[in-house]
């Protein structure tokens, strides 16, 4: 695998590890915690979720566009998704054990 492929895997793992924090932070800012959110808090929550989603898309598009065939792209996207999901599950388990 090339350096770009390993970079894609590493970045997907990092995004998977921070996903629970982004999810909880976005939900708390959008829906409020103990009190209704203000308009600014809702905008911040939506902005956080949009930046996270756009960075996930941008990383995968940047890494996968260098591949020559569609079959290779789908295969590598599957690998990235598996690493992302594994990191996401590990992060949720770590939070459950820790807290």
Protein backbone atom coordinates (compact mmCIF):
# COMPACT_ATOMS: atom_id res chain seq x y z
CA UNK A 1 0.00 0.00 0.00
CA UNK A 2 1.13 3.53 -0.71
CA UNK A 3 1.79 6.29 1.79
CA UNK A 4 -1.42 8.01 0.77
CA UNK A 5 -3.37 4.85 1.55
CA UNK A 6 -1.82 4.58 5.01
CA UNK A 7 -2.52 8.26 5.59
CA UNK A 8 -6.18 7.64 4.72
CA UNK A 9 -6.39 4.74 7.16
CA UNK A 10 -4.73 6.73 9.96
CA UNK A 11 -6.99 9.73 9.43
CA UNK A 12 -10.09 7.52 9.37
CA UNK A 13 -9.00 5.90 12.64
CA UNK A 14 -8.51 9.33 14.22
CA UNK A 15 -11.91 10.49 13.01
CA UNK A 16 -13.43 7.28 14.34
CA UNK A 17 -11.86 7.83 17.75
CA UNK A 18 -13.27 11.35 18.12
CA UNK A 19 -16.72 10.46 16.72
CA UNK A 20 -18.43 9.86 20.12
CA UNK A 21 -17.28 13.25 21.37
CA UNK A 22 -18.44 15.02 18.22
CA UNK A 23 -21.76 13.19 18.32
CA UNK A 24 -22.49 13.96 21.95
CA UNK A 25 -21.24 17.54 21.66
CA UNK A 26 -23.33 18.16 18.57
CA UNK A 27 -26.47 16.68 20.11
CA UNK A 28 -26.03 18.63 23.35
CA UNK A 29 -25.51 21.88 21.46
CA UNK A 30 -28.43 21.31 19.09
CA UNK A 31 -31.00 19.98 21.60
CA UNK A 32 -29.69 21.47 24.83
CA UNK A 33 -28.70 19.99 28.16
CA UNK A 34 -30.81 20.86 31.20
CA UNK A 35 -32.11 23.95 29.40
CA UNK A 36 -33.23 24.83 25.88
CA UNK A 37 -30.34 25.83 23.61
CA UNK A 38 -29.93 29.32 22.25
CA UNK A 39 -29.82 29.98 18.53
CA UNK A 40 -26.05 30.41 18.63
CA UNK A 41 -25.59 27.05 20.37
CA UNK A 42 -27.69 25.32 17.73
CA UNK A 43 -25.65 26.92 14.96
CA UNK A 44 -22.42 25.83 16.69
CA UNK A 45 -23.71 22.26 17.03
CA UNK A 46 -24.69 22.07 13.37
CA UNK A 47 -21.35 23.63 12.37
CA UNK A 48 -19.40 21.07 14.40
CA UNK A 49 -21.28 18.18 12.81
CA UNK A 50 -20.93 19.64 9.30
CA UNK A 51 -17.19 20.23 9.69
CA UNK A 52 -16.73 16.68 10.95
CA UNK A 53 -18.76 15.19 8.11
CA UNK A 54 -17.07 17.32 5.47
CA UNK A 55 -13.61 16.40 6.77
CA UNK A 56 -14.52 12.72 6.63
CA UNK A 57 -15.73 13.10 3.04
CA UNK A 58 -12.76 15.26 2.00
CA UNK A 59 -10.21 12.81 3.41
CA UNK A 60 -11.75 9.83 1.65
CA UNK A 61 -12.26 11.64 -1.66
CA UNK A 62 -8.69 12.97 -1.63
CA UNK A 63 -7.18 9.57 -0.88
CA UNK A 64 -9.42 7.54 -3.18
CA UNK A 65 -9.29 9.76 -6.28
CA UNK A 66 -5.71 8.68 -7.00
CA UNK A 67 -6.78 5.08 -7.61
CA UNK A 68 -7.28 4.02 -11.19
CA UNK A 69 -10.33 1.73 -11.20
CA UNK A 70 -13.69 1.89 -9.50
CA UNK A 71 -13.15 -1.58 -8.06
CA UNK A 72 -10.00 -0.40 -6.31
CA UNK A 73 -11.81 2.68 -4.97
CA UNK A 74 -14.68 0.66 -3.51
CA UNK A 75 -12.28 -1.88 -2.02
CA UNK A 76 -10.18 0.85 -0.38
CA UNK A 77 -13.31 2.68 0.80
CA UNK A 78 -14.43 -0.57 2.43
CA UNK A 79 -11.06 -0.84 4.18
CA UNK A 80 -11.29 2.76 5.38
CA UNK A 81 -14.85 2.19 6.61
CA UNK A 82 -13.81 -0.93 8.53
CA UNK A 83 -10.98 0.95 10.26
CA UNK A 84 -13.31 3.88 11.00
CA UNK A 85 -15.95 1.59 12.52
CA UNK A 86 -13.35 -0.35 14.52
CA UNK A 87 -11.97 2.89 15.99
CA UNK A 88 -15.50 4.15 16.66
CA UNK A 89 -16.43 0.96 18.54
CA UNK A 90 -13.15 1.04 20.48
CA UNK A 91 -13.82 4.64 21.46
CA UNK A 92 -17.34 3.84 22.66
CA UNK A 93 -16.03 0.86 24.66
CA UNK A 94 -13.28 3.00 26.17
CA UNK A 95 -15.83 5.63 27.19
CA UNK A 96 -18.10 2.95 28.69
CA UNK A 97 -15.27 1.41 30.73
CA UNK A 98 -13.87 4.78 31.78
CA UNK A 99 -17.12 6.45 32.70
